[in-house]
Amino acid sequence: MRVHIYDFIEKRPDLGSDIWFKDFVPEFRVIPLEELPSGVEYGVSYITVSLNVPKYLQWLLDQFIANGSKRKKIHLSHINESFFADNEIDVVVNCTGVNARTFSGVMDNTVFPSRGQTILVWAPHIKTVHILTNQDSFTFVVPRGGEVILGGTMEMNDYSSKNPDPKTAEDIIQRCVKLCPELTLDKNLQIIRHNVGRRPYRTNGIRIEVEIIKNSTNKDVIICHNYGHHSYGNAFKNIK
C-alpha cells in the first residue's frame, strides 16, 4: 500500500551536503523545526510503500510454484549439500540470516542476533508511517492494510528468551501512542499478537557477494551470499 511516512530523529544527524535518496521518492521534504514533535531536532517526510510481509512472501512463493518451480524442505549441515550432488543446480542463494554464524561452509562470526520485540494491532484508521530514532530506543508505527506494527527494540547480541516481555510491550505501546496519538483515537488498542524475532546483524555490513564453487562433476555453481540485512533501511543502502 502507498503511504506517507514521517521519519524523525531526536538528534540532528550529520548528513553532509544532501540526502541522497530525496529524488527517488515522491513529495520529499525536510520538516521545519516548528512542525517537529517536542524534543526532536530533525525529520523528513515522503511517500513510500508498506507491505504486509508475511502475505507478500506467501504471494511470491505461490508465483514461484505457479511458474513450474518446486518447493523442497530439507535439513542441511553444510552449504555444499544444497548443490554438490545435483548437477541441475546452477545457482544457490544463501539467505541464512543469523544462522550464517554457525552454518558450515559459511561460518561468519561477524553475524549476531539483534532481538526485536513488536506488537501487531488492528487499527485500520492509521494510514501513515511514523518513525522516531533516538539514542536509547527505536519507535515505529507501520500500517499494512488494517493491521499496524508497533515497535520496537534493537537488543544487540541478545540470545535471551523468545517470549515477549510484558514490560517491554507496555513501553512500546506508550512510545507509539505518544508518537502517533491517533492510535487510541476511538478506543483502546486491539492487540492481535506480540512478536519477538532475531534480526541478523553483521558487524561488517550486509554481505552481498558471489562465490563460485565446484560440484561433484566439477561444474561451477554460483553461490549468492545475501545476509546480514538487520532491519529497515538497508535496501536503500544497497541501492546507493
C-alpha atoms as a PDB file:
ATOM      1  CA  MET A   1       0.000   0.000   0.000  1.00  0.00           C
ATOM      2  CA  ARG A   2       1.105   3.566  -0.735  1.00  0.00           C
ATOM      3  CA  VAL A   3       1.713   5.519   2.480  1.00  0.00           C
ATOM      4  CA  HIS A   4       3.056   8.797   3.754  1.00  0.00           C
ATOM      5  CA  ILE A   5       5.995   8.468   6.152  1.00  0.00           C
ATOM      6  CA  TYR A   6       7.176  10.816   8.879  1.00  0.00           C
ATOM      7  CA  ASP A   7      10.714   9.905   9.898  1.00  0.00           C
ATOM      8  CA  PHE A   8      12.016  11.730  12.990  1.00  0.00           C
ATOM      9  CA  ILE A   9      15.480  11.701  14.568  1.00  0.00           C
ATOM     10  CA  GLU A  10      15.952  13.018  18.082  1.00  0.00           C
ATOM     11  CA  LYS A  11      19.420  14.499  17.443  1.00  0.00           C
ATOM     12  CA  ARG A  12      20.141  16.140  14.121  1.00  0.00           C
ATOM     13  CA  PRO A  13      22.435  13.799  12.124  1.00  0.00           C
ATOM     14  CA  ASP A  14      25.455  14.788  10.077  1.00  0.00           C
ATOM     15  CA  LEU A  15      24.056  14.282   6.581  1.00  0.00           C
ATOM     16  CA  GLY A  16      26.781  16.017   4.626  1.00  0.00           C
ATOM     17  CA  SER A  17      25.694  18.152   1.704  1.00  0.00           C
ATOM     18  CA  ASP A  18      22.467  16.371   0.775  1.00  0.00           C
ATOM     19  CA  ILE A  19      20.087  13.455   1.388  1.00  0.00           C
ATOM     20  CA  TRP A  20      20.931  11.047  -1.402  1.00  0.00           C
ATOM     21  CA  PHE A  21      17.508   9.366  -1.829  1.00  0.00           C
ATOM     22  CA  LYS A  22      15.350  12.510  -1.883  1.00  0.00           C
ATOM     23  CA  ASP A  23      14.976  12.400  -5.672  1.00  0.00           C
ATOM     24  CA  PHE A  24      13.795   8.767  -5.627  1.00  0.00           C
ATOM     25  CA  VAL A  25      10.666   9.282  -3.504  1.00  0.00           C
ATOM     26  CA  PRO A  26       7.601  11.459  -4.183  1.00  0.00           C
ATOM     27  CA  GLU A  27       6.790  14.524  -2.075  1.00  0.00           C
ATOM     28  CA  PHE A  28      10.064  14.504  -0.169  1.00  0.00           C
ATOM     29  CA  ARG A  29      10.576  17.389   2.234  1.00  0.00           C
ATOM     30  CA  VAL A  30      12.597  18.251   5.296  1.00  0.00           C
ATOM     31  CA  ILE A  31      10.135  19.019   8.069  1.00  0.00           C
ATOM     32  CA  PRO A  32      10.550  22.538   9.504  1.00  0.00           C
ATOM     33  CA  LEU A  33      11.636  22.735  13.125  1.00  0.00           C
ATOM     34  CA  GLU A  34       8.342  24.274  14.220  1.00  0.00           C
ATOM     35  CA  GLU A  35       6.438  21.228  12.911  1.00  0.00           C
ATOM     36  CA  LEU A  36       8.581  18.641  14.694  1.00  0.00           C
ATOM     37  CA  PRO A  37       7.471  16.853  17.874  1.00  0.00           C
ATOM     38  CA  SER A  38       8.836  18.186  21.142  1.00  0.00           C
ATOM     39  CA  GLY A  39      12.446  17.121  21.714  1.00  0.00           C
ATOM     40  CA  VAL A  40      13.072  16.200  18.076  1.00  0.00           C
ATOM     41  CA  GLU A  41      15.740  18.052  16.076  1.00  0.00           C
ATOM     42  CA  TYR A  42      15.292  16.589  12.589  1.00  0.00           C
ATOM     43  CA  GLY A  43      12.645  14.954  10.425  1.00  0.00           C
ATOM     44  CA  VAL A  44      11.716  14.205   6.826  1.00  0.00           C
ATOM     45  CA  SER A  45       8.500  13.110   5.148  1.00  0.00           C
ATOM     46  CA  TYR A  46       7.809  11.462   1.799  1.00  0.00           C
ATOM     47  CA  ILE A  47       5.625   8.900   0.013  1.00  0.00           C
ATOM     48  CA  THR A  48       6.685   5.247   0.138  1.00  0.00           C
ATOM     49  CA  VAL A  49       5.127   1.769   0.172  1.00  0.00           C
ATOM     50  CA  SER A  50       4.259  -0.514   3.073  1.00  0.00           C
ATOM     51  CA  LEU A  51       3.928  -4.264   2.591  1.00  0.00           C
ATOM     52  CA  ASN A  52       2.314  -6.919   4.717  1.00  0.00           C
ATOM     53  CA  VAL A  53       5.464  -9.021   4.563  1.00  0.00           C
ATOM     54  CA  PRO A  54       4.056 -12.454   5.533  1.00  0.00           C
ATOM     55  CA  LYS A  55       1.323 -12.133   2.906  1.00  0.00           C
ATOM     56  CA  TYR A  56       3.755 -10.783   0.307  1.00  0.00           C
ATOM     57  CA  LEU A  57       6.230 -13.628   0.863  1.00  0.00           C
ATOM     58  CA  GLN A  58       3.433 -16.160   0.522  1.00  0.00           C
ATOM     59  CA  TRP A  59       2.348 -14.498  -2.734  1.00  0.00           C
ATOM     60  CA  LEU A  60       5.918 -14.687  -4.053  1.00  0.00           C
ATOM     61  CA  LEU A  61       6.109 -18.379  -3.168  1.00  0.00           C
ATOM     62  CA  ASP A  62       2.766 -19.006  -4.867  1.00  0.00           C
ATOM     63  CA  GLN A  63       4.023 -17.275  -8.029  1.00  0.00           C
ATOM     64  CA  PHE A  64       7.244 -19.285  -7.880  1.00  0.00           C
ATOM     65  CA  ILE A  65       5.321 -22.582  -7.742  1.00  0.00           C
ATOM     66  CA  ALA A  66       2.718 -21.487 -10.314  1.00  0.00           C
ATOM     67  CA  ASN A  67       5.521 -20.926 -12.817  1.00  0.00           C
ATOM     68  CA  GLY A  68       6.647 -24.544 -12.588  1.00  0.00           C
ATOM     69  CA  SER A  69       9.170 -24.389  -9.789  1.00  0.00           C
ATOM     70  CA  LYS A  70       9.260 -26.792  -6.866  1.00  0.00           C
ATOM     71  CA  ARG A  71       9.431 -26.321  -3.127  1.00  0.00           C
ATOM     72  CA  LYS A  72      11.557 -28.803  -1.193  1.00  0.00           C
ATOM     73  CA  LYS A  73      12.288 -28.662   2.520  1.00  0.00           C
ATOM     74  CA  ILE A  74      15.444 -30.473   3.683  1.00  0.00           C
ATOM     75  CA  HIS A  75      17.944 -30.259   6.521  1.00  0.00           C
ATOM     76  CA  LEU A  76      21.435 -29.114   5.547  1.00  0.00           C
ATOM     77  CA  SER A  77      24.540 -29.427   7.702  1.00  0.00           C
ATOM     78  CA  HIS A  78      26.809 -27.700   5.127  1.00  0.00           C
ATOM     79  CA  ILE A  79      26.033 -25.244   2.334  1.00  0.00           C
ATOM     80  CA  ASN A  80      27.641 -27.564  -0.238  1.00  0.00           C
ATOM     81  CA  GLU A  81      24.927 -30.147   0.444  1.00  0.00           C
ATOM     82  CA  SER A  82      22.475 -27.837  -1.321  1.00  0.00           C
ATOM     83  CA  PHE A  83      24.063 -28.457  -4.707  1.00  0.00           C
ATOM     84  CA  PHE A  84      27.062 -30.796  -4.596  1.00  0.00           C
ATOM     85  CA  ALA A  85      25.359 -33.978  -5.821  1.00  0.00           C
ATOM     86  CA  ASP A  86      22.700 -32.338  -8.025  1.00  0.00           C
ATOM     87  CA  ASN A  87      24.012 -31.399 -11.444  1.00  0.00           C
ATOM     88  CA  GLU A  88      20.811 -29.484 -12.331  1.00  0.00           C
ATOM     89  CA  ILE A  89      21.502 -26.747  -9.779  1.00  0.00           C
ATOM     90  CA  ASP A  90      23.258 -23.682 -11.193  1.00  0.00           C
ATOM     91  CA  VAL A  91      22.684 -21.061  -8.501  1.00  0.00           C
ATOM     92  CA  VAL A  92      22.274 -21.157  -4.710  1.00  0.00           C
ATOM     93  CA  VAL A  93      21.128 -18.051  -2.819  1.00  0.00           C
ATOM     94  CA  ASN A  94      22.376 -18.042   0.766  1.00  0.00           C
ATOM     95  CA  CYS A  95      19.785 -16.258   2.919  1.00  0.00           C
ATOM     96  CA  THR A  96      20.656 -17.988   6.193  1.00  0.00           C
ATOM     97  CA  GLY A  97      20.307 -14.849   8.336  1.00  0.00           C
ATOM     98  CA  VAL A  98      21.534 -15.266  11.917  1.00  0.00           C
ATOM     99  CA  ASN A  99      22.398 -18.900  11.136  1.00  0.00           C
ATOM    100  CA  ALA A 100      25.193 -17.708   8.830  1.00  0.00           C
ATOM    101  CA  ARG A 101      27.256 -17.506  12.020  1.00  0.00           C
ATOM    102  CA  THR A 102      27.155 -21.263  12.631  1.00  0.00           C
ATOM    103  CA  PHE A 103      26.238 -22.786   9.249  1.00  0.00           C
ATOM    104  CA  SER A 104      29.105 -24.919   7.955  1.00  0.00           C
ATOM    105  CA  GLY A 105      30.554 -23.567   4.736  1.00  0.00           C
ATOM    106  CA  VAL A 106      29.688 -20.011   5.784  1.00  0.00           C
ATOM    107  CA  MET A 107      30.681 -19.681   9.465  1.00  0.00           C
ATOM    108  CA  ASP A 108      30.608 -15.867   9.519  1.00  0.00           C
ATOM    109  CA  ASN A 109      31.482 -14.789  13.072  1.00  0.00           C
ATOM    110  CA  THR A 110      30.638 -11.159  12.314  1.00  0.00           C
ATOM    111  CA  VAL A 111      26.920 -12.069  12.325  1.00  0.00           C
ATOM    112  CA  PHE A 112      24.964 -11.942  15.572  1.00  0.00           C
ATOM    113  CA  PRO A 113      21.327 -11.504  16.575  1.00  0.00           C
ATOM    114  CA  SER A 114      19.576  -8.279  17.410  1.00  0.00           C
ATOM    115  CA  ARG A 115      16.466  -9.149  19.417  1.00  0.00           C
ATOM    116  CA  GLY A 116      13.387  -7.252  18.306  1.00  0.00           C
ATOM    117  CA  GLN A 117      10.013  -7.107  20.020  1.00  0.00           C
ATOM    118  CA  THR A 118       6.918  -5.722  18.282  1.00  0.00           C
ATOM    119  CA  ILE A 119       3.143  -5.702  18.697  1.00  0.00           C
ATOM    120  CA  LEU A 120       0.587  -6.297  15.936  1.00  0.00           C
ATOM    121  CA  VAL A 121      -2.640  -4.333  16.432  1.00  0.00           C
ATOM    122  CA  TRP A 122      -5.830  -3.755  14.460  1.00  0.00           C
ATOM    123  CA  ALA A 123      -6.118  -0.045  13.633  1.00  0.00           C
ATOM    124  CA  PRO A 124      -7.434   0.462  10.070  1.00  0.00           C
ATOM    125  CA  HIS A 125      -7.755   4.229  10.628  1.00  0.00           C
ATOM    126  CA  ILE A 126      -3.939   4.564  10.727  1.00  0.00           C
ATOM    127  CA  LYS A 127      -2.774   5.418   7.211  1.00  0.00           C
ATOM    128  CA  THR A 128       0.676   6.986   7.802  1.00  0.00           C
ATOM    129  CA  VAL A 129       4.026   5.612   8.959  1.00  0.00           C
ATOM    130  CA  HIS A 130       5.670   7.248  11.987  1.00  0.00           C
ATOM    131  CA  ILE A 131       9.283   6.559  12.981  1.00  0.00           C
ATOM    132  CA  LEU A 132      11.357   8.067  15.788  1.00  0.00           C
ATOM    133  CA  THR A 133      15.017   7.214  16.304  1.00  0.00           C
ATOM    134  CA  ASN A 134      16.899   8.298  19.378  1.00  0.00           C
ATOM    135  CA  GLN A 135      19.891   7.157  21.376  1.00  0.00           C
ATOM    136  CA  ASP A 136      18.006   4.762  23.638  1.00  0.00           C
ATOM    137  CA  SER A 137      15.119   3.469  21.547  1.00  0.00           C
ATOM    138  CA  PHE A 138      13.649   2.953  18.097  1.00  0.00           C
ATOM    139  CA  THR A 139       9.919   3.611  17.828  1.00  0.00           C
ATOM    140  CA  PHE A 140       7.745   2.925  14.790  1.00  0.00           C
ATOM    141  CA  VAL A 141       4.096   2.735  13.747  1.00  0.00           C
ATOM    142  CA  VAL A 142       3.697   0.995  10.390  1.00  0.00           C
ATOM    143  CA  PRO A 143       0.252   0.340   8.822  1.00  0.00           C
ATOM    144  CA  ARG A 144      -0.180  -2.585   6.474  1.00  0.00           C
ATOM    145  CA  GLY A 145      -3.788  -2.896   5.352  1.00  0.00           C
ATOM    146  CA  GLY A 146      -5.738  -2.561   8.593  1.00  0.00           C
ATOM    147  CA  GLU A 147      -3.075  -4.209  10.705  1.00  0.00           C
ATOM    148  CA  VAL A 148      -0.410  -1.958  12.241  1.00  0.00           C
ATOM    149  CA  ILE A 149       3.005  -2.986  13.544  1.00  0.00           C
ATOM    150  CA  LEU A 150       4.160  -1.171  16.684  1.00  0.00           C
ATOM    151  CA  GLY A 151       7.784  -1.289  17.712  1.00  0.00           C
ATOM    152  CA  GLY A 152      10.208  -1.751  18.808  1.00  0.00           C
ATOM    153  CA  THR A 153      13.509  -2.831  20.261  1.00  0.00           C
ATOM    154  CA  MET A 154      17.037  -3.495  18.992  1.00  0.00           C
ATOM    155  CA  GLU A 155      18.756  -5.552  21.665  1.00  0.00           C
ATOM    156  CA  MET A 156      22.155  -6.265  20.164  1.00  0.00           C
ATOM    157  CA  ASN A 157      23.793  -9.679  20.637  1.00  0.00           C
ATOM    158  CA  ASP A 158      20.797 -10.800  22.689  1.00  0.00           C
ATOM    159  CA  TYR A 159      20.199 -14.554  22.941  1.00  0.00           C
ATOM    160  CA  SER A 160      17.549 -14.273  25.656  1.00  0.00           C
ATOM    161  CA  SER A 161      14.039 -15.704  25.687  1.00  0.00           C
ATOM    162  CA  LYS A 162      11.896 -15.634  22.570  1.00  0.00           C
ATOM    163  CA  ASN A 163       8.899 -14.892  24.777  1.00  0.00           C
ATOM    164  CA  PRO A 164       7.578 -11.305  24.700  1.00  0.00           C
ATOM    165  CA  ASP A 165       8.455  -9.256  27.759  1.00  0.00           C
ATOM    166  CA  PRO A 166       5.318  -7.581  29.227  1.00  0.00           C
ATOM    167  CA  LYS A 167       7.233  -4.522  30.488  1.00  0.00           C
ATOM    168  CA  THR A 168       8.818  -4.043  27.074  1.00  0.00           C
ATOM    169  CA  ALA A 169       5.398  -4.366  25.432  1.00  0.00           C
ATOM    170  CA  GLU A 170       3.947  -1.676  27.685  1.00  0.00           C
ATOM    171  CA  ASP A 171       6.906   0.601  26.938  1.00  0.00           C
ATOM    172  CA  ILE A 172       6.399   0.084  23.175  1.00  0.00           C
ATOM    173  CA  ILE A 173       2.710   0.957  23.439  1.00  0.00           C
ATOM    174  CA  GLN A 174       3.414   4.121  25.440  1.00  0.00           C
ATOM    175  CA  ARG A 175       6.094   5.275  22.994  1.00  0.00           C
ATOM    176  CA  CYS A 176       3.934   4.555  19.943  1.00  0.00           C
ATOM    177  CA  VAL A 177       0.854   6.313  21.329  1.00  0.00           C
ATOM    178  CA  LYS A 178       2.989   9.346  22.174  1.00  0.00           C
ATOM    179  CA  LEU A 179       4.428   9.350  18.639  1.00  0.00           C
ATOM    180  CA  CYS A 180       1.047   8.695  16.980  1.00  0.00           C
ATOM    181  CA  PRO A 181      -1.849   9.683  19.310  1.00  0.00           C
ATOM    182  CA  GLU A 182      -4.367   8.678  16.631  1.00  0.00           C
ATOM    183  CA  LEU A 183      -3.743   5.049  17.619  1.00  0.00           C
ATOM    184  CA  THR A 184      -6.169   5.390  20.516  1.00  0.00           C
ATOM    185  CA  LEU A 185      -8.400   7.999  18.904  1.00  0.00           C
ATOM    186  CA  ASP A 186     -11.618   5.994  19.242  1.00  0.00           C
ATOM    187  CA  LYS A 187     -10.893   3.210  21.707  1.00  0.00           C
ATOM    188  CA  ASN A 188      -8.214   1.114  23.325  1.00  0.00           C
ATOM    189  CA  LEU A 189      -5.767  -0.754  21.132  1.00  0.00           C
ATOM    190  CA  GLN A 190      -6.990  -4.039  19.707  1.00  0.00           C
ATOM    191  CA  ILE A 191      -3.917  -6.222  20.139  1.00  0.00           C
ATOM    192  CA  ILE A 192      -3.701  -9.145  17.707  1.00  0.00           C
ATOM    193  CA  ARG A 193      -0.437 -10.617  18.980  1.00  0.00           C
ATOM    194  CA  HIS A 194       3.003  -9.919  20.423  1.00  0.00           C
ATOM    195  CA  ASN A 195       6.080 -10.795  18.343  1.00  0.00           C
ATOM    196  CA  VAL A 196       9.731 -11.493  19.151  1.00  0.00           C
ATOM    197  CA  GLY A 197      12.347 -12.099  16.477  1.00  0.00           C
ATOM    198  CA  ARG A 198      16.086 -12.015  15.983  1.00  0.00           C
ATOM    199  CA  ARG A 199      17.336  -9.786  13.218  1.00  0.00           C
ATOM    200  CA  PRO A 200      20.609 -10.837  11.552  1.00  0.00           C
ATOM    201  CA  TYR A 201      23.058  -8.022  12.289  1.00  0.00           C
ATOM    202  CA  ARG A 202      26.501  -8.106  10.665  1.00  0.00           C
ATOM    203  CA  THR A 203      29.406  -6.085  12.027  1.00  0.00           C
ATOM    204  CA  ASN A 204      30.925  -5.530   8.577  1.00  0.00           C
ATOM    205  CA  GLY A 205      27.614  -4.643   6.936  1.00  0.00           C
ATOM    206  CA  ILE A 206      25.447  -6.675   4.584  1.00  0.00           C
ATOM    207  CA  ARG A 207      27.140  -9.470   2.705  1.00  0.00           C
ATOM    208  CA  ILE A 208      26.046  -9.462  -0.935  1.00  0.00           C
ATOM    209  CA  GLU A 209      28.729 -11.436  -2.694  1.00  0.00           C
ATOM    210  CA  VAL A 210      29.135 -14.071  -5.397  1.00  0.00           C
ATOM    211  CA  GLU A 211      31.263 -17.158  -4.810  1.00  0.00           C
ATOM    212  CA  ILE A 212      31.965 -19.924  -7.351  1.00  0.00           C
ATOM    213  CA  ILE A 213      32.206 -23.491  -6.021  1.00  0.00           C
ATOM    214  CA  LYS A 214      32.652 -26.748  -7.967  1.00  0.00           C
ATOM    215  CA  ASN A 215      30.085 -29.510  -7.599  1.00  0.00           C
ATOM    216  CA  SER A 216      30.764 -33.263  -7.717  1.00  0.00           C
ATOM    217  CA  THR A 217      31.108 -33.200 -11.542  1.00  0.00           C
ATOM    218  CA  ASN A 218      33.463 -30.198 -11.457  1.00  0.00           C
ATOM    219  CA  LYS A 219      30.689 -27.897 -12.684  1.00  0.00           C
ATOM    220  CA  ASP A 220      30.748 -24.279 -11.489  1.00  0.00           C
ATOM    221  CA  VAL A 221      27.887 -23.386  -9.163  1.00  0.00           C
ATOM    222  CA  ILE A 222      27.160 -19.759  -8.290  1.00  0.00           C
ATOM    223  CA  ILE A 223      26.669 -19.103  -4.565  1.00  0.00           C
ATOM    224  CA  CYS A 224      24.973 -15.740  -3.977  1.00  0.00           C
ATOM    225  CA  HIS A 225      25.502 -14.722  -0.361  1.00  0.00           C
ATOM    226  CA  ASN A 226      22.720 -12.423   0.822  1.00  0.00           C
ATOM    227  CA  TYR A 227      22.503 -11.952   4.584  1.00  0.00           C
ATOM    228  CA  GLY A 228      23.150  -9.526   7.432  1.00  0.00           C
ATOM    229  CA  HIS A 229      20.382  -7.096   6.490  1.00  0.00           C
ATOM    230  CA  HIS A 230      19.315  -6.477  10.084  1.00  0.00           C
ATOM    231  CA  SER A 231      16.434  -4.012   9.833  1.00  0.00           C
ATOM    232  CA  TYR A 232      14.665  -1.485   7.650  1.00  0.00           C
ATOM    233  CA  GLY A 233      16.606   0.998   5.526  1.00  0.00           C
ATOM    234  CA  ASN A 234      19.201  -1.434   4.261  1.00  0.00           C
ATOM    235  CA  ALA A 235      17.530  -1.752   0.888  1.00  0.00           C
ATOM    236  CA  PHE A 236      18.197   1.955   0.323  1.00  0.00           C
ATOM    237  CA  LYS A 237      21.845   1.460   1.299  1.00  0.00           C
ATOM    238  CA  ASN A 238      22.165  -1.373  -1.224  1.00  0.00           C
ATOM    239  CA  ILE A 239      20.655   0.734  -3.991  1.00  0.00           C
ATOM    240  CA  LYS A 240      23.023   3.552  -3.157  1.00  0.00           C
END
